[in-house]
Amino acid sequence: MLLDQRQRAIVTFITRKYGVSTEVVQEFVRTAFAAGKQYGIDPLLVVAMMAVESSFNPIAESVAGAKGLMQIIPKYHLEKFAEFGGEHAVLEPRVNIVVGARILRE
């Protein structure tokens, strides 16, 4: 799936500001836009959450147990990870973004 002009601009900004590779950020942005559409939320909110919560570090972990790009605490959202094979999927970027968007929607 190709990125549109707006998405490419977002990727360029994130790549420069956070020093994350273009290819990785493209996938994060692509997934954020798909998840935003799926859950009826602004995809820029999803992107902003990743920036604030993890600085786009897909393996970020807090002392409180929050994990991944969207800093989800798995023990509070176990049912949301069931369709992805369980809580171990929390550090998979695509899963973390999709589940995080669902949590934002709820």
PDB file of N, CA and C in Angstrom:
ATOM      1  N   MET A   1       0.839  -1.175   0.000  1.00  0.00           N
ATOM      2  CA  MET A   1       0.000   0.000   0.000  1.00  0.00           C
ATOM      3  C   MET A   1       0.892   1.249   0.000  1.00  0.00           C
ATOM      4  N   LEU A   2       0.710   2.097  -0.972  1.00  0.00           N
ATOM      5  CA  LEU A   2       1.509   3.298  -1.099  1.00  0.00           C
ATOM      6  C   LEU A   2       1.014   4.384  -0.159  1.00  0.00           C
ATOM      7  N   LEU A   3       1.930   5.196   0.310  1.00  0.00           N
ATOM      8  CA  LEU A   3       1.578   6.309   1.176  1.00  0.00           C
ATOM      9  C   LEU A   3       1.196   7.512   0.324  1.00  0.00           C
ATOM     10  N   ASP A   4       0.204   8.268   0.789  1.00  0.00           N
ATOM     11  CA  ASP A   4      -0.153   9.489   0.076  1.00  0.00           C
ATOM     12  C   ASP A   4       0.791  10.616   0.503  1.00  0.00           C
ATOM     13  N   GLN A   5       0.620  11.774  -0.075  1.00  0.00           N
ATOM     14  CA  GLN A   5       1.525  12.903   0.167  1.00  0.00           C
ATOM     15  C   GLN A   5       1.552  13.295   1.648  1.00  0.00           C
ATOM     16  N   ARG A   6       0.407  13.346   2.279  1.00  0.00           N
ATOM     17  CA  ARG A   6       0.317  13.696   3.703  1.00  0.00           C
ATOM     18  C   ARG A   6       1.072  12.679   4.556  1.00  0.00           C
ATOM     19  N   GLN A   7       0.870  11.404   4.271  1.00  0.00           N
ATOM     20  CA  GLN A   7       1.538  10.356   5.032  1.00  0.00           C
ATOM     21  C   GLN A   7       3.052  10.412   4.820  1.00  0.00           C
ATOM     22  N   ARG A   8       3.481  10.679   3.601  1.00  0.00           N
ATOM     23  CA  ARG A   8       4.926  10.796   3.336  1.00  0.00           C
ATOM     24  C   ARG A   8       5.529  11.966   4.114  1.00  0.00           C
ATOM     25  N   ALA A   9       4.787  13.062   4.226  1.00  0.00           N
ATOM     26  CA  ALA A   9       5.264  14.216   4.991  1.00  0.00           C
ATOM     27  C   ALA A   9       5.394  13.854   6.476  1.00  0.00           C
ATOM     28  N   ILE A  10       4.452  13.103   6.975  1.00  0.00           N
ATOM     29  CA  ILE A  10       4.506  12.653   8.367  1.00  0.00           C
ATOM     30  C   ILE A  10       5.724  11.760   8.580  1.00  0.00           C
ATOM     31  N   VAL A  11       5.944  10.836   7.659  1.00  0.00           N
ATOM     32  CA  VAL A  11       7.100   9.934   7.741  1.00  0.00           C
ATOM     33  C   VAL A  11       8.398  10.738   7.746  1.00  0.00           C
ATOM     34  N   THR A  12       8.512  11.705   6.861  1.00  0.00           N
ATOM     35  CA  THR A  12       9.722  12.525   6.781  1.00  0.00           C
ATOM     36  C   THR A  12       9.970  13.257   8.090  1.00  0.00           C
ATOM     37  N   PHE A  13       8.923  13.844   8.654  1.00  0.00           N
ATOM     38  CA  PHE A  13       9.050  14.567   9.920  1.00  0.00           C
ATOM     39  C   PHE A  13       9.511  13.635  11.038  1.00  0.00           C
ATOM     40  N   ILE A  14       8.854  12.501  11.183  1.00  0.00           N
ATOM     41  CA  ILE A  14       9.191  11.557  12.255  1.00  0.00           C
ATOM     42  C   ILE A  14      10.620  11.037  12.089  1.00  0.00           C
ATOM     43  N   THR A  15      10.976  10.691  10.868  1.00  0.00           N
ATOM     44  CA  THR A  15      12.323  10.172  10.600  1.00  0.00           C
ATOM     45  C   THR A  15      13.385  11.172  11.043  1.00  0.00           C
ATOM     46  N   ARG A  16      13.170  12.423  10.725  1.00  0.00           N
ATOM     47  CA  ARG A  16      14.150  13.463  11.079  1.00  0.00           C
ATOM     48  C   ARG A  16      14.151  13.761  12.580  1.00  0.00           C
ATOM     49  N   LYS A  17      12.975  13.881  13.155  1.00  0.00           N
ATOM     50  CA  LYS A  17      12.877  14.265  14.572  1.00  0.00           C
ATOM     51  C   LYS A  17      13.317  13.151  15.515  1.00  0.00           C
ATOM     52  N   TYR A  18      12.943  11.916  15.213  1.00  0.00           N
ATOM     53  CA  TYR A  18      13.193  10.812  16.138  1.00  0.00           C
ATOM     54  C   TYR A  18      14.337   9.890  15.711  1.00  0.00           C
ATOM     55  N   GLY A  19      14.886  10.104  14.530  1.00  0.00           N
ATOM     56  CA  GLY A  19      16.014   9.301  14.077  1.00  0.00           C
ATOM     57  C   GLY A  19      15.685   7.840  13.846  1.00  0.00           C
ATOM     58  N   VAL A  20      14.451   7.571  13.436  1.00  0.00           N
ATOM     59  CA  VAL A  20      14.003   6.212  13.147  1.00  0.00           C
ATOM     60  C   VAL A  20      14.063   6.013  11.629  1.00  0.00           C
ATOM     61  N   SER A  21      14.362   4.807  11.184  1.00  0.00           N
ATOM     62  CA  SER A  21      14.505   4.565   9.749  1.00  0.00           C
ATOM     63  C   SER A  21      13.194   4.811   8.999  1.00  0.00           C
ATOM     64  N   THR A  22      13.332   5.289   7.796  1.00  0.00           N
ATOM     65  CA  THR A  22      12.178   5.603   6.953  1.00  0.00           C
ATOM     66  C   THR A  22      11.283   4.387   6.757  1.00  0.00           C
ATOM     67  N   GLU A  23      11.874   3.241   6.466  1.00  0.00           N
ATOM     68  CA  GLU A  23      11.088   2.026   6.215  1.00  0.00           C
ATOM     69  C   GLU A  23      10.255   1.638   7.427  1.00  0.00           C
ATOM     70  N   VAL A  24      10.846   1.739   8.607  1.00  0.00           N
ATOM     71  CA  VAL A  24      10.134   1.390   9.841  1.00  0.00           C
ATOM     72  C   VAL A  24       8.988   2.370  10.080  1.00  0.00           C
ATOM     73  N   VAL A  25       9.265   3.655   9.942  1.00  0.00           N
ATOM     74  CA  VAL A  25       8.240   4.676  10.173  1.00  0.00           C
ATOM     75  C   VAL A  25       7.121   4.561   9.143  1.00  0.00           C
ATOM     76  N   GLN A  26       7.445   4.229   7.914  1.00  0.00           N
ATOM     77  CA  GLN A  26       6.396   4.053   6.904  1.00  0.00           C
ATOM     78  C   GLN A  26       5.402   2.993   7.358  1.00  0.00           C
ATOM     79  N   GLU A  27       5.897   1.900   7.887  1.00  0.00           N
ATOM     80  CA  GLU A  27       5.006   0.830   8.347  1.00  0.00           C
ATOM     81  C   GLU A  27       4.173   1.289   9.541  1.00  0.00           C
ATOM     82  N   PHE A  28       4.778   2.029  10.469  1.00  0.00           N
ATOM     83  CA  PHE A  28       4.034   2.551  11.622  1.00  0.00           C
ATOM     84  C   PHE A  28       2.915   3.477  11.152  1.00  0.00           C
ATOM     85  N   VAL A  29       3.226   4.378  10.230  1.00  0.00           N
ATOM     86  CA  VAL A  29       2.231   5.342   9.743  1.00  0.00           C
ATOM     87  C   VAL A  29       1.146   4.622   8.949  1.00  0.00           C
ATOM     88  N   ARG A  30       1.536   3.703   8.103  1.00  0.00           N
ATOM     89  CA  ARG A  30       0.561   2.926   7.324  1.00  0.00           C
ATOM     90  C   ARG A  30      -0.409   2.201   8.276  1.00  0.00           C
ATOM     91  N   THR A  31       0.135   1.583   9.307  1.00  0.00           N
ATOM     92  CA  THR A  31      -0.691   0.861  10.270  1.00  0.00           C
ATOM     93  C   THR A  31      -1.560   1.813  11.077  1.00  0.00           C
ATOM     94  N   ALA A  32      -1.023   2.959  11.458  1.00  0.00           N
ATOM     95  CA  ALA A  32      -1.797   3.944  12.216  1.00  0.00           C
ATOM     96  C   ALA A  32      -2.991   4.449  11.403  1.00  0.00           C
ATOM     97  N   PHE A  33      -2.785   4.687  10.110  1.00  0.00           N
ATOM     98  CA  PHE A  33      -3.884   5.154   9.266  1.00  0.00           C
ATOM     99  C   PHE A  33      -4.935   4.060   9.078  1.00  0.00           C
ATOM    100  N   ALA A  34      -4.507   2.823   8.926  1.00  0.00           N
ATOM    101  CA  ALA A  34      -5.463   1.717   8.790  1.00  0.00           C
ATOM    102  C   ALA A  34      -6.238   1.514  10.084  1.00  0.00           C
ATOM    103  N   ALA A  35      -5.544   1.577  11.220  1.00  0.00           N
ATOM    104  CA  ALA A  35      -6.213   1.395  12.513  1.00  0.00           C
ATOM    105  C   ALA A  35      -7.160   2.558  12.802  1.00  0.00           C
ATOM    106  N   GLY A  36      -6.751   3.760  12.447  1.00  0.00           N
ATOM    107  CA  GLY A  36      -7.624   4.920  12.625  1.00  0.00           C
ATOM    108  C   GLY A  36      -8.913   4.768  11.841  1.00  0.00           C
ATOM    109  N   LYS A  37      -8.784   4.304  10.608  1.00  0.00           N
ATOM    110  CA  LYS A  37      -9.967   4.075   9.778  1.00  0.00           C
ATOM    111  C   LYS A  37     -10.828   2.966  10.366  1.00  0.00           C
ATOM    112  N   GLN A  38     -10.192   1.877  10.805  1.00  0.00           N
ATOM    113  CA  GLN A  38     -10.920   0.737  11.363  1.00  0.00           C
ATOM    114  C   GLN A  38     -11.730   1.128  12.600  1.00  0.00           C
ATOM    115  N   TYR A  39     -11.160   1.968  13.454  1.00  0.00           N
ATOM    116  CA  TYR A  39     -11.824   2.305  14.718  1.00  0.00           C
ATOM    117  C   TYR A  39     -12.456   3.690  14.727  1.00  0.00           C
ATOM    118  N   GLY A  40     -12.420   4.366  13.601  1.00  0.00           N
ATOM    119  CA  GLY A  40     -13.096   5.657  13.498  1.00  0.00           C
ATOM    120  C   GLY A  40     -12.451   6.750  14.336  1.00  0.00           C
ATOM    121  N   ILE A  41     -11.121   6.731  14.408  1.00  0.00           N
ATOM    122  CA  ILE A  41     -10.417   7.791  15.127  1.00  0.00           C
ATOM    123  C   ILE A  41      -9.395   8.429  14.189  1.00  0.00           C
ATOM    124  N   ASP A  42      -8.996   9.631  14.518  1.00  0.00           N
ATOM    125  CA  ASP A  42      -8.029  10.349  13.697  1.00  0.00           C
ATOM    126  C   ASP A  42      -6.686   9.613  13.737  1.00  0.00           C
ATOM    127  N   PRO A  43      -6.157   9.226  12.591  1.00  0.00           N
ATOM    128  CA  PRO A  43      -4.887   8.509  12.588  1.00  0.00           C
ATOM    129  C   PRO A  43      -3.726   9.341  13.140  1.00  0.00           C
ATOM    130  N   LEU A  44      -3.854  10.667  13.078  1.00  0.00           N
ATOM    131  CA  LEU A  44      -2.810  11.504  13.653  1.00  0.00           C
ATOM    132  C   LEU A  44      -2.788  11.392  15.176  1.00  0.00           C
ATOM    133  N   LEU A  45      -3.926  11.083  15.775  1.00  0.00           N
ATOM    134  CA  LEU A  45      -3.962  10.821  17.217  1.00  0.00           C
ATOM    135  C   LEU A  45      -3.144   9.570  17.526  1.00  0.00           C
ATOM    136  N   VAL A  46      -3.277   8.560  16.699  1.00  0.00           N
ATOM    137  CA  VAL A  46      -2.520   7.323  16.882  1.00  0.00           C
ATOM    138  C   VAL A  46      -1.026   7.600  16.743  1.00  0.00           C
ATOM    139  N   VAL A  47      -0.652   8.360  15.720  1.00  0.00           N
ATOM    140  CA  VAL A  47       0.751   8.714  15.513  1.00  0.00           C
ATOM    141  C   VAL A  47       1.263   9.542  16.696  1.00  0.00           C
ATOM    142  N   ALA A  48       0.469  10.493  17.159  1.00  0.00           N
ATOM    143  CA  ALA A  48       0.862  11.328  18.293  1.00  0.00           C
ATOM    144  C   ALA A  48       1.054  10.499  19.559  1.00  0.00           C
ATOM    145  N   MET A  49       0.200   9.508  19.758  1.00  0.00           N
ATOM    146  CA  MET A  49       0.348   8.637  20.928  1.00  0.00           C
ATOM    147  C   MET A  49       1.685   7.897  20.885  1.00  0.00           C
ATOM    148  N   MET A  50       2.055   7.404  19.718  1.00  0.00           N
ATOM    149  CA  MET A  50       3.343   6.718  19.598  1.00  0.00           C
ATOM    150  C   MET A  50       4.499   7.672  19.913  1.00  0.00           C
ATOM    151  N   ALA A  51       4.387   8.910  19.447  1.00  0.00           N
ATOM    152  CA  ALA A  51       5.441   9.895  19.695  1.00  0.00           C
ATOM    153  C   ALA A  51       5.581  10.175  21.185  1.00  0.00           C
ATOM    154  N   VAL A  52       4.467  10.441  21.837  1.00  0.00           N
ATOM    155  CA  VAL A  52       4.480  10.813  23.253  1.00  0.00           C
ATOM    156  C   VAL A  52       4.819   9.630  24.144  1.00  0.00           C
ATOM    157  N   GLU A  53       4.226   8.490  23.865  1.00  0.00           N
ATOM    158  CA  GLU A  53       4.368   7.345  24.757  1.00  0.00           C
ATOM    159  C   GLU A  53       5.684   6.591  24.616  1.00  0.00           C
ATOM    160  N   SER A  54       6.224   6.497  23.401  1.00  0.00           N
ATOM    161  CA  SER A  54       7.410   5.650  23.219  1.00  0.00           C
ATOM    162  C   SER A  54       8.504   6.266  22.351  1.00  0.00           C
ATOM    163  N   SER A  55       8.283   7.463  21.855  1.00  0.00           N
ATOM    164  CA  SER A  55       9.229   8.078  20.907  1.00  0.00           C
ATOM    165  C   SER A  55       9.538   7.134  19.746  1.00  0.00           C
ATOM    166  N   PHE A  56       8.522   6.368  19.349  1.00  0.00           N
ATOM    167  CA  PHE A  56       8.600   5.430  18.226  1.00  0.00           C
ATOM    168  C   PHE A  56       9.564   4.267  18.467  1.00  0.00           C
ATOM    169  N   ASN A  57       9.745   3.921  19.739  1.00  0.00           N
ATOM    170  CA  ASN A  57      10.560   2.758  20.103  1.00  0.00           C
ATOM    171  C   ASN A  57       9.615   1.572  20.293  1.00  0.00           C
ATOM    172  N   PRO A  58       9.617   0.601  19.392  1.00  0.00           N
ATOM    173  CA  PRO A  58       8.653  -0.504  19.465  1.00  0.00           C
ATOM    174  C   PRO A  58       8.880  -1.462  20.632  1.00  0.00           C
ATOM    175  N   ILE A  59      10.035  -1.374  21.288  1.00  0.00           N
ATOM    176  CA  ILE A  59      10.277  -2.259  22.437  1.00  0.00           C
ATOM    177  C   ILE A  59      10.341  -1.477  23.749  1.00  0.00           C
ATOM    178  N   ALA A  60       9.800  -0.276  23.755  1.00  0.00           N
ATOM    179  CA  ALA A  60       9.789   0.540  24.970  1.00  0.00           C
ATOM    180  C   ALA A  60       8.989  -0.160  26.064  1.00  0.00           C
ATOM    181  N   GLU A  61       9.492  -0.088  27.288  1.00  0.00           N
ATOM    182  CA  GLU A  61       8.790  -0.644  28.441  1.00  0.00           C
ATOM    183  C   GLU A  61       8.929   0.327  29.605  1.00  0.00           C
ATOM    184  N   SER A  62       7.815   0.596  30.275  1.00  0.00           N
ATOM    185  CA  SER A  62       7.840   1.499  31.419  1.00  0.00           C
ATOM    186  C   SER A  62       7.969   0.701  32.711  1.00  0.00           C
ATOM    187  N   VAL A  63       8.281   1.400  33.786  1.00  0.00           N
ATOM    188  CA  VAL A  63       8.380   0.736  35.092  1.00  0.00           C
ATOM    189  C   VAL A  63       7.012   0.239  35.566  1.00  0.00           C
ATOM    190  N   ALA A  64       5.947   0.802  34.996  1.00  0.00           N
ATOM    191  CA  ALA A  64       4.587   0.387  35.365  1.00  0.00           C
ATOM    192  C   ALA A  64       4.119  -0.834  34.571  1.00  0.00           C
ATOM    193  N   GLY A  65       4.938  -1.279  33.608  1.00  0.00           N
ATOM    194  CA  GLY A  65       4.573  -2.451  32.822  1.00  0.00           C
ATOM    195  C   GLY A  65       3.958  -2.150  31.475  1.00  0.00           C
ATOM    196  N   ALA A  66       3.902  -0.866  31.090  1.00  0.00           N
ATOM    197  CA  ALA A  66       3.389  -0.500  29.769  1.00  0.00           C
ATOM    198  C   ALA A  66       4.431  -0.864  28.722  1.00  0.00           C
ATOM    199  N   LYS A  67       3.959  -1.383  27.567  1.00  0.00           N
ATOM    200  CA  LYS A  67       4.886  -1.911  26.570  1.00  0.00           C
ATOM    201  C   LYS A  67       4.553  -1.439  25.163  1.00  0.00           C
ATOM    202  N   GLY A  68       5.608  -1.308  24.373  1.00  0.00           N
ATOM    203  CA  GLY A  68       5.457  -1.063  22.952  1.00  0.00           C
ATOM    204  C   GLY A  68       5.224   0.381  22.575  1.00  0.00           C
ATOM    205  N   LEU A  69       4.928   0.561  21.301  1.00  0.00           N
ATOM    206  CA  LEU A  69       4.749   1.889  20.728  1.00  0.00           C
ATOM    207  C   LEU A  69       3.656   2.699  21.416  1.00  0.00           C
ATOM    208  N   MET A  70       2.562   2.037  21.755  1.00  0.00           N
ATOM    209  CA  MET A  70       1.414   2.728  22.340  1.00  0.00           C
ATOM    210  C   MET A  70       1.380   2.607  23.870  1.00  0.00           C
ATOM    211  N   GLN A  71       2.401   1.954  24.447  1.00  0.00           N
ATOM    212  CA  GLN A  71       2.535   1.786  25.892  1.00  0.00           C
ATOM    213  C   GLN A  71       1.271   1.189  26.525  1.00  0.00           C
ATOM    214  N   ILE A  72       0.975  -0.006  26.099  1.00  0.00           N
ATOM    215  CA  ILE A  72      -0.180  -0.754  26.590  1.00  0.00           C
ATOM    216  C   ILE A  72       0.253  -1.619  27.762  1.00  0.00           C
ATOM    217  N   ILE A  73      -0.561  -1.648  28.801  1.00  0.00           N
ATOM    218  CA  ILE A  73      -0.309  -2.548  29.923  1.00  0.00           C
ATOM    219  C   ILE A  73      -1.115  -3.815  29.635  1.00  0.00           C
ATOM    220  N   PRO A  74      -0.438  -4.874  29.202  1.00  0.00           N
ATOM    221  CA  PRO A  74      -1.135  -6.072  28.719  1.00  0.00           C
ATOM    222  C   PRO A  74      -2.118  -6.686  29.709  1.00  0.00           C
ATOM    223  N   LYS A  75      -1.790  -6.713  31.002  1.00  0.00           N
ATOM    224  CA  LYS A  75      -2.662  -7.384  31.970  1.00  0.00           C
ATOM    225  C   LYS A  75      -4.059  -6.764  32.029  1.00  0.00           C
ATOM    226  N   TYR A  76      -4.206  -5.529  31.580  1.00  0.00           N
ATOM    227  CA  TYR A  76      -5.524  -4.880  31.566  1.00  0.00           C
ATOM    228  C   TYR A  76      -6.275  -5.081  30.254  1.00  0.00           C
ATOM    229  N   HIS A  77      -5.619  -5.655  29.260  1.00  0.00           N
ATOM    230  CA  HIS A  77      -6.223  -5.775  27.933  1.00  0.00           C
ATOM    231  C   HIS A  77      -5.989  -7.151  27.319  1.00  0.00           C
ATOM    232  N   LEU A  78      -5.936  -8.179  28.128  1.00  0.00           N
ATOM    233  CA  LEU A  78      -5.645  -9.528  27.642  1.00  0.00           C
ATOM    234  C   LEU A  78      -6.596  -9.971  26.539  1.00  0.00           C
ATOM    235  N   GLU A  79      -7.877  -9.653  26.686  1.00  0.00           N
ATOM    236  CA  GLU A  79      -8.861 -10.090  25.686  1.00  0.00           C
ATOM    237  C   GLU A  79      -8.612  -9.470  24.321  1.00  0.00           C
ATOM    238  N   LYS A  80      -8.026  -8.288  24.294  1.00  0.00           N
ATOM    239  CA  LYS A  80      -7.755  -7.611  23.024  1.00  0.00           C
ATOM    240  C   LYS A  80      -6.591  -8.255  22.270  1.00  0.00           C
ATOM    241  N   PHE A  81      -5.743  -8.963  22.991  1.00  0.00           N
ATOM    242  CA  PHE A  81      -4.607  -9.626  22.360  1.00  0.00           C
ATOM    243  C   PHE A  81      -4.921 -11.063  21.951  1.00  0.00           C
ATOM    244  N   ALA A  82      -6.050 -11.574  22.348  1.00  0.00           N
ATOM    245  CA  ALA A  82      -6.415 -12.968  22.074  1.00  0.00           C
ATOM    246  C   ALA A  82      -6.379 -13.285  20.580  1.00  0.00           C
ATOM    247  N   GLU A  83      -6.939 -12.420  19.760  1.00  0.00           N
ATOM    248  CA  GLU A  83      -6.980 -12.687  18.320  1.00  0.00           C
ATOM    249  C   GLU A  83      -5.602 -12.626  17.660  1.00  0.00           C
ATOM    250  N   PHE A  84      -4.608 -12.110  18.402  1.00  0.00           N
ATOM    251  CA  PHE A  84      -3.243 -12.017  17.878  1.00  0.00           C
ATOM    252  C   PHE A  84      -2.314 -13.051  18.506  1.00  0.00           C
ATOM    253  N   GLY A  85      -2.891 -13.994  19.224  1.00  0.00           N
ATOM    254  CA  GLY A  85      -2.093 -15.072  19.802  1.00  0.00           C
ATOM    255  C   GLY A  85      -1.745 -14.896  21.262  1.00  0.00           C
ATOM    256  N   GLY A  86      -2.238 -13.848  21.880  1.00  0.00           N
ATOM    257  CA  GLY A  86      -2.000 -13.657  23.304  1.00  0.00           C
ATOM    258  C   GLY A  86      -1.130 -12.450  23.608  1.00  0.00           C
ATOM    259  N   GLU A  87      -0.899 -12.274  24.888  1.00  0.00           N
ATOM    260  CA  GLU A  87      -0.217 -11.075  25.369  1.00  0.00           C
ATOM    261  C   GLU A  87       1.223 -10.939  24.869  1.00  0.00           C
ATOM    262  N   HIS A  88       1.849 -12.037  24.467  1.00  0.00           N
ATOM    263  CA  HIS A  88       3.228 -11.950  23.955  1.00  0.00           C
ATOM    264  C   HIS A  88       3.315 -11.077  22.694  1.00  0.00           C
ATOM    265  N   ALA A  89       2.194 -10.844  22.031  1.00  0.00           N
ATOM    266  CA  ALA A  89       2.171 -10.040  20.802  1.00  0.00           C
ATOM    267  C   ALA A  89       2.233  -8.538  21.083  1.00  0.00           C
ATOM    268  N   VAL A  90       2.244  -8.158  22.344  1.00  0.00           N
ATOM    269  CA  VAL A  90       2.229  -6.738  22.693  1.00  0.00           C
ATOM    270  C   VAL A  90       3.406  -5.965  22.101  1.00  0.00           C
ATOM    271  N   LEU A  91       4.536  -6.616  21.889  1.00  0.00           N
ATOM    272  CA  LEU A  91       5.697  -5.927  21.343  1.00  0.00           C
ATOM    273  C   LEU A  91       5.802  -6.016  19.816  1.00  0.00           C
ATOM    274  N   GLU A  92       4.824  -6.623  19.180  1.00  0.00           N
ATOM    275  CA  GLU A  92       4.769  -6.617  17.721  1.00  0.00           C
ATOM    276  C   GLU A  92       4.163  -5.271  17.307  1.00  0.00           C
ATOM    277  N   PRO A  93       4.903  -4.441  16.582  1.00  0.00           N
ATOM    278  CA  PRO A  93       4.437  -3.086  16.285  1.00  0.00           C
ATOM    279  C   PRO A  93       3.027  -3.004  15.704  1.00  0.00           C
ATOM    280  N   ARG A  94       2.726  -3.822  14.706  1.00  0.00           N
ATOM    281  CA  ARG A  94       1.394  -3.741  14.083  1.00  0.00           C
ATOM    282  C   ARG A  94       0.314  -4.053  15.101  1.00  0.00           C
ATOM    283  N   VAL A  95       0.507  -5.079  15.886  1.00  0.00           N
ATOM    284  CA  VAL A  95      -0.478  -5.479  16.900  1.00  0.00           C
ATOM    285  C   VAL A  95      -0.612  -4.385  17.948  1.00  0.00           C
ATOM    286  N   ASN A  96       0.498  -3.850  18.401  1.00  0.00           N
ATOM    287  CA  ASN A  96       0.474  -2.812  19.423  1.00  0.00           C
ATOM    288  C   ASN A  96      -0.292  -1.585  18.943  1.00  0.00           C
ATOM    289  N   ILE A  97      -0.085  -1.207  17.695  1.00  0.00           N
ATOM    290  CA  ILE A  97      -0.783  -0.040  17.149  1.00  0.00           C
ATOM    291  C   ILE A  97      -2.283  -0.309  17.029  1.00  0.00           C
ATOM    292  N   VAL A  98      -2.646  -1.462  16.512  1.00  0.00           N
ATOM    293  CA  VAL A  98      -4.063  -1.796  16.336  1.00  0.00           C
ATOM    294  C   VAL A  98      -4.772  -1.883  17.690  1.00  0.00           C
ATOM    295  N   VAL A  99      -4.183  -2.577  18.630  1.00  0.00           N
ATOM    296  CA  VAL A  99      -4.793  -2.699  19.961  1.00  0.00           C
ATOM    297  C   VAL A  99      -4.824  -1.336  20.652  1.00  0.00           C
ATOM    298  N   GLY A 100      -3.757  -0.569  20.498  1.00  0.00           N
ATOM    299  CA  GLY A 100      -3.740   0.775  21.086  1.00  0.00           C
ATOM    300  C   GLY A 100      -4.830   1.670  20.519  1.00  0.00           C
ATOM    301  N   ALA A 101      -5.066   1.592  19.220  1.00  0.00           N
ATOM    302  CA  ALA A 101      -6.144   2.369  18.596  1.00  0.00           C
ATOM    303  C   ALA A 101      -7.501   1.923  19.135  1.00  0.00           C
ATOM    304  N   ARG A 102      -7.661   0.630  19.309  1.00  0.00           N
ATOM    305  CA  ARG A 102      -8.920   0.111  19.862  1.00  0.00           C
ATOM    306  C   ARG A 102      -9.147   0.640  21.277  1.00  0.00           C
ATOM    307  N   ILE A 103      -8.084   0.655  22.072  1.00  0.00           N
ATOM    308  CA  ILE A 103      -8.192   1.181  23.447  1.00  0.00           C
ATOM    309  C   ILE A 103      -8.551   2.661  23.405  1.00  0.00           C
ATOM    310  N   LEU A 104      -7.932   3.416  22.516  1.00  0.00           N
ATOM    311  CA  LEU A 104      -8.272   4.841  22.395  1.00  0.00           C
ATOM    312  C   LEU A 104      -9.749   5.015  22.033  1.00  0.00           C
ATOM    313  N   ARG A 105     -10.236   4.201  21.129  1.00  0.00           N
ATOM    314  CA  ARG A 105     -11.636   4.284  20.709  1.00  0.00           C
ATOM    315  C   ARG A 105     -12.578   4.003  21.877  1.00  0.00           C
ATOM    316  N   GLU A 106     -12.220   2.994  22.654  1.00  0.00           N
ATOM    317  CA  GLU A 106     -13.088   2.614  23.787  1.00  0.00           C
ATOM    318  C   GLU A 106     -13.040   3.649  24.890  1.00  0.00           C
TER     319      GLU A 106
END
